[in-house]
C-alpha atoms as a PDB file:
ATOM      1  CA  MET A   1       8.627   0.920  34.561  1.00  0.00           C
ATOM      2  CA  GLN A   2       5.322   2.681  34.197  1.00  0.00           C
ATOM      3  CA  GLY A   3       5.069   4.760  30.973  1.00  0.00           C
ATOM      4  CA  GLN A   4       7.408   3.046  28.961  1.00  0.00           C
ATOM      5  CA  SER A   5       7.605   0.466  26.468  1.00  0.00           C
ATOM      6  CA  GLN A   6      10.266  -2.392  25.628  1.00  0.00           C
ATOM      7  CA  GLY A   7       9.203  -2.168  22.182  1.00  0.00           C
ATOM      8  CA  PHE A   8       6.746  -4.278  19.543  1.00  0.00           C
ATOM      9  CA  ARG A   9       7.088  -7.589  18.408  1.00  0.00           C
ATOM     10  CA  ASP A  10       4.307  -9.818  16.827  1.00  0.00           C
ATOM     11  CA  GLU A  11       3.334 -11.818  13.732  1.00  0.00           C
ATOM     12  CA  LEU A  12       1.446 -10.016  10.881  1.00  0.00           C
ATOM     13  CA  GLY A  13      -1.095 -12.331   8.374  1.00  0.00           C
ATOM     14  CA  ALA A  14      -3.065 -11.501   5.485  1.00  0.00           C
ATOM     15  CA  ASP A  15      -5.985  -9.436   5.811  1.00  0.00           C
ATOM     16  CA  PRO A  16      -8.661  -9.756   3.589  1.00  0.00           C
ATOM     17  CA  TRP A  17      -9.671  -5.985   3.805  1.00  0.00           C
ATOM     18  CA  LEU A  18      -6.488  -4.955   2.266  1.00  0.00           C
ATOM     19  CA  VAL A  19      -6.430  -7.268  -0.251  1.00  0.00           C
ATOM     20  CA  GLY A  20     -10.166  -6.319  -1.174  1.00  0.00           C
ATOM     21  CA  ALA A  21      -9.173  -2.683  -1.019  1.00  0.00           C
ATOM     22  CA  TRP A  22      -6.173  -3.036  -3.671  1.00  0.00           C
ATOM     23  CA  TRP A  23      -8.461  -4.755  -5.880  1.00  0.00           C
ATOM     24  CA  THR A  24     -11.432  -2.326  -5.626  1.00  0.00           C
ATOM     25  CA  LEU A  25      -8.869   0.426  -6.057  1.00  0.00           C
ATOM     26  CA  GLY A  26      -7.873  -1.323  -9.524  1.00  0.00           C
ATOM     27  CA  GLY A  27     -11.297  -1.660 -10.411  1.00  0.00           C
ATOM     28  CA  LEU A  28     -12.317   1.924  -9.602  1.00  0.00           C
ATOM     29  CA  ALA A  29      -8.929   2.540 -12.047  1.00  0.00           C
ATOM     30  CA  TRP A  30     -10.162   0.387 -14.785  1.00  0.00           C
ATOM     31  CA  LEU A  31     -13.413   2.204 -14.633  1.00  0.00           C
ATOM     32  CA  SER A  32     -12.234   5.518 -14.816  1.00  0.00           C
ATOM     33  CA  LEU A  33      -9.983   4.470 -17.705  1.00  0.00           C
ATOM     34  CA  GLY A  34     -12.961   3.193 -19.658  1.00  0.00           C
ATOM     35  CA  ALA A  35     -14.980   6.234 -19.152  1.00  0.00           C
ATOM     36  CA  VAL A  36     -12.289   8.500 -20.378  1.00  0.00           C
ATOM     37  CA  ALA A  37     -11.734   6.375 -23.294  1.00  0.00           C
ATOM     38  CA  ALA A  38     -15.166   6.184 -24.137  1.00  0.00           C
ATOM     39  CA  TRP A  39     -16.337   9.645 -23.450  1.00  0.00           C
ATOM     40  CA  GLY A  40     -13.195  11.698 -23.507  1.00  0.00           C
ATOM     41  CA  GLU A  41     -11.903  14.498 -25.189  1.00  0.00           C
ATOM     42  CA  TRP A  42      -9.047  14.661 -27.545  1.00  0.00           C
ATOM     43  CA  PRO A  43      -7.136  17.383 -26.529  1.00  0.00           C
ATOM     44  CA  GLY A  44      -5.804  19.957 -29.241  1.00  0.00           C
ATOM     45  CA  LEU A  45      -8.654  19.155 -31.809  1.00  0.00           C
ATOM     46  CA  ALA A  46     -11.078  22.130 -31.383  1.00  0.00           C
ATOM     47  CA  GLY A  47     -12.826  22.593 -34.546  1.00  0.00           C
ATOM     48  CA  GLY A  48     -11.180  19.906 -36.410  1.00  0.00           C
ATOM     49  CA  ALA A  49     -12.604  16.478 -35.482  1.00  0.00           C
ATOM     50  CA  LEU A  50     -11.137  12.988 -36.286  1.00  0.00           C
ATOM     51  CA  PRO A  51     -12.727  10.870 -38.700  1.00  0.00           C
ATOM     52  CA  ALA A  52     -14.946   8.509 -36.886  1.00  0.00           C
ATOM     53  CA  TRP A  53     -13.061   5.407 -37.486  1.00  0.00           C
ATOM     54  CA  LEU A  54      -9.872   7.104 -36.322  1.00  0.00           C
ATOM     55  CA  ASP A  55     -11.767   8.074 -33.062  1.00  0.00           C
ATOM     56  CA  ARG A  56     -13.010   4.536 -32.442  1.00  0.00           C
ATOM     57  CA  VAL A  57      -9.228   3.154 -33.023  1.00  0.00           C
ATOM     58  CA  GLY A  58      -7.583   5.461 -30.825  1.00  0.00           C
ATOM     59  CA  ARG A  59     -10.268   5.033 -28.262  1.00  0.00           C
ATOM     60  CA  LEU A  60      -9.813   1.216 -28.474  1.00  0.00           C
ATOM     61  CA  LEU A  61      -5.988   1.421 -28.380  1.00  0.00           C
ATOM     62  CA  ILE A  62      -6.270   3.687 -25.154  1.00  0.00           C
ATOM     63  CA  LEU A  63      -8.488   1.304 -23.214  1.00  0.00           C
ATOM     64  CA  LEU A  64      -6.324  -1.795 -24.344  1.00  0.00           C
ATOM     65  CA  ALA A  65      -2.971   0.008 -23.401  1.00  0.00           C
ATOM     66  CA  GLY A  66      -4.527   1.474 -19.959  1.00  0.00           C
ATOM     67  CA  SER A  67      -6.318  -2.127 -19.232  1.00  0.00           C
ATOM     68  CA  TRP A  68      -2.677  -3.725 -19.492  1.00  0.00           C
ATOM     69  CA  TRP A  69      -1.119  -0.810 -17.456  1.00  0.00           C
ATOM     70  CA  VAL A  70      -4.038  -1.399 -14.726  1.00  0.00           C
ATOM     71  CA  TRP A  71      -3.494  -5.271 -14.452  1.00  0.00           C
ATOM     72  CA  ARG A  72      -0.150  -4.861 -14.577  1.00  0.00           C
ATOM     73  CA  HIS A  73       0.062  -3.116 -11.658  1.00  0.00           C
ATOM     74  CA  LEU A  74      -2.528  -4.835  -9.687  1.00  0.00           C
ATOM     75  CA  ALA A  75      -0.606  -8.094 -10.033  1.00  0.00           C
ATOM     76  CA  THR A  76       2.519  -6.845  -8.628  1.00  0.00           C
ATOM     77  CA  ARG A  77       1.173  -5.924  -5.391  1.00  0.00           C
ATOM     78  CA  PRO A  78       3.511  -3.935  -2.982  1.00  0.00           C
ATOM     79  CA  VAL A  79       5.004  -6.223  -0.481  1.00  0.00           C
ATOM     80  CA  GLY A  80       4.537  -4.966   2.765  1.00  0.00           C
ATOM     81  CA  LEU A  81       0.462  -4.701   2.214  1.00  0.00           C
ATOM     82  CA  MET A  82      -0.399  -8.300   2.350  1.00  0.00           C
ATOM     83  CA  VAL A  83       3.062 -10.429   2.920  1.00  0.00           C
ATOM     84  CA  PRO A  84       2.763 -12.213   6.281  1.00  0.00           C
ATOM     85  CA  GLY A  85       5.718 -12.202   8.415  1.00  0.00           C
ATOM     86  CA  ARG A  86       7.220 -11.184  11.810  1.00  0.00           C
ATOM     87  CA  LEU A  87       7.793  -7.654  13.102  1.00  0.00           C
ATOM     88  CA  SER A  88       9.794  -6.204  15.764  1.00  0.00           C
ATOM     89  CA  TRP A  89      10.209  -2.787  16.402  1.00  0.00           C
ATOM     90  CA  SER A  90      12.164  -0.919  19.235  1.00  0.00           C
ATOM     91  CA  GLY A  91      13.026   2.664  19.160  1.00  0.00           C
ATOM     92  CA  ALA A  92      13.766   3.993  16.088  1.00  0.00           C
ATOM     93  CA  ARG A  93      15.080   0.317  14.741  1.00  0.00           C
ATOM     94  CA  GLY A  94      12.998  -2.553  13.059  1.00  0.00           C
ATOM     95  CA  ARG A  95      13.116  -6.172  11.859  1.00  0.00           C
ATOM     96  CA  PHE A  96      10.847  -7.554   9.575  1.00  0.00           C
ATOM     97  CA  GLU A  97      11.046 -10.943   8.620  1.00  0.00           C
ATOM     98  CA  THR A  98       9.120 -13.088   5.662  1.00  0.00           C
ATOM     99  CA  LYS A  99       9.928 -16.914   4.429  1.00  0.00           C
ATOM    100  CA  ARG A 100      11.692 -15.026   1.542  1.00  0.00           C
ATOM    101  CA  ALA A 101      13.784 -11.698   2.948  1.00  0.00           C
ATOM    102  CA  THR A 102      14.584  -9.994   6.409  1.00  0.00           C
ATOM    103  CA  TRP A 103      14.719  -6.283   6.306  1.00  0.00           C
ATOM    104  CA  ARG A 104      16.416  -4.571   9.190  1.00  0.00           C
ATOM    105  CA  GLY A 105      16.945  -0.686   9.889  1.00  0.00           C
ATOM    106  CA  GLU A 106      15.608   2.389  10.514  1.00  0.00           C
ATOM    107  CA  MET A 107      11.867   2.506  11.221  1.00  0.00           C
ATOM    108  CA  ARG A 108       9.423   5.531  11.184  1.00  0.00           C
ATOM    109  CA  LEU A 109       6.091   6.471  11.319  1.00  0.00           C
ATOM    110  CA  VAL A 110       4.238   7.111   8.218  1.00  0.00           C
ATOM    111  CA  TRP A 111       0.581   7.125   9.078  1.00  0.00           C
ATOM    112  CA  ARG A 112      -1.533   6.540  11.859  1.00  0.00           C
ATOM    113  CA  SER A 113      -5.266   6.539  11.992  1.00  0.00           C
ATOM    114  CA  ALA A 114      -7.755   4.099  14.231  1.00  0.00           C
ATOM    115  CA  VAL A 115      -7.559   1.216  11.851  1.00  0.00           C
ATOM    116  CA  LEU A 116      -4.630   1.504   9.963  1.00  0.00           C
ATOM    117  CA  VAL A 117      -0.897   2.449  10.786  1.00  0.00           C
ATOM    118  CA  GLY A 118       1.782   2.683   8.126  1.00  0.00           C
ATOM    119  CA  VAL A 119       5.439   2.211   9.366  1.00  0.00           C
ATOM    120  CA  ARG A 120       8.607   2.613   6.592  1.00  0.00           C
ATOM    121  CA  LEU A 121      11.639   0.302   7.099  1.00  0.00           C
ATOM    122  CA  ARG A 122      14.766   1.257   5.278  1.00  0.00           C
ATOM    123  CA  ASP A 123      17.176  -1.516   5.368  1.00  0.00           C
ATOM    124  CA  PRO A 124      20.670  -0.259   3.550  1.00  0.00           C
ATOM    125  CA  VAL A 125      20.645  -3.403   1.876  1.00  0.00           C
ATOM    126  CA  ARG A 126      17.606  -4.596   0.453  1.00  0.00           C
ATOM    127  CA  GLY A 127      15.863  -0.935   0.274  1.00  0.00           C
ATOM    128  CA  THR A 128      12.718   0.479   1.971  1.00  0.00           C
ATOM    129  CA  ILE A 129       9.611  -1.626   2.623  1.00  0.00           C
ATOM    130  CA  THR A 130       6.367   0.106   3.799  1.00  0.00           C
ATOM    131  CA  LEU A 131       4.323  -2.166   6.162  1.00  0.00           C
ATOM    132  CA  TRP A 132       0.518  -1.562   6.686  1.00  0.00           C
ATOM    133  CA  LEU A 133      -0.865  -2.660   9.925  1.00  0.00           C
ATOM    134  CA  THR A 134      -4.578  -3.478  10.487  1.00  0.00           C
ATOM    135  CA  PRO A 135      -6.346  -5.070  13.403  1.00  0.00           C
ATOM    136  CA  HIS A 136      -7.109  -7.879  11.086  1.00  0.00           C
ATOM    137  CA  ARG A 137      -3.227  -8.491  10.521  1.00  0.00           C
ATOM    138  CA  LEU A 138      -2.094  -8.198  13.718  1.00  0.00           C
ATOM    139  CA  GLY A 139      -5.422  -9.539  15.492  1.00  0.00           C
ATOM    140  CA  GLU A 140      -6.893  -7.928  18.380  1.00  0.00           C
ATOM    141  CA  ALA A 141      -4.203  -8.410  21.172  1.00  0.00           C
ATOM    142  CA  GLY A 142      -1.532  -7.203  18.857  1.00  0.00           C
ATOM    143  CA  TRP A 143      -3.259  -4.322  17.772  1.00  0.00           C
ATOM    144  CA  TRP A 144      -3.502  -3.442  21.267  1.00  0.00           C
ATOM    145  CA  ARG A 145       0.089  -3.938  22.004  1.00  0.00           C
ATOM    146  CA  LEU A 146       0.826  -1.955  18.798  1.00  0.00           C
ATOM    147  CA  GLN A 147      -1.179   1.162  19.937  1.00  0.00           C
ATOM    148  CA  ARG A 148       0.295   0.833  23.489  1.00  0.00           C
ATOM    149  CA  PHE A 149       3.888   0.892  21.820  1.00  0.00           C
ATOM    150  CA  LEU A 150       3.023   3.874  19.637  1.00  0.00           C
ATOM    151  CA  VAL A 151       1.486   5.826  23.135  1.00  0.00           C
ATOM    152  CA  LEU A 152       4.105   4.525  25.440  1.00  0.00           C
ATOM    153  CA  GLY A 153       7.267   3.938  23.447  1.00  0.00           C
ATOM    154  CA  GLY A 154       7.478   7.122  22.041  1.00  0.00           C
ATOM    155  CA  ALA A 155       7.235   6.153  18.228  1.00  0.00           C
ATOM    156  CA  SER A 156       8.313   9.413  16.176  1.00  0.00           C
ATOM    157  CA  GLY A 157       6.024  11.392  14.458  1.00  0.00           C
ATOM    158  CA  VAL A 158       4.166  10.952  11.051  1.00  0.00           C
ATOM    159  CA  ASP A 159       6.716  11.634   8.319  1.00  0.00           C
END
């Protein structure tokens, strides 16, 4: 059986680094929005400037609407980023079970690097979920088993 893999099965936990990265990206988006609202130029007003009060009100509205948008998207984190569950993967088929739902279907590798693996699971009923796997989520032994499966199991290449 050398050179073959029977599949991959392991528990996924929460990764504090992914949670931190998610909030950091949201903070950077908000800082960028603030910079655009504070110092950005109004398109289409070459030569004709807005009155100062209208400029300030417009910038404040942009900042408030943009802040609401950033917060709304930060609060609705992607399911596959941090939700704990049990992942089973064999060949091109996979299964991901959480306390609330189960996805079954075609599994594809979408990203692979030294510390991050992304897989997409397409369930015909529940839809698509993308899972982001890290050494912190799987543990050292689970990460090793995943890497072994990716090499020996012949998981298909990146989408």
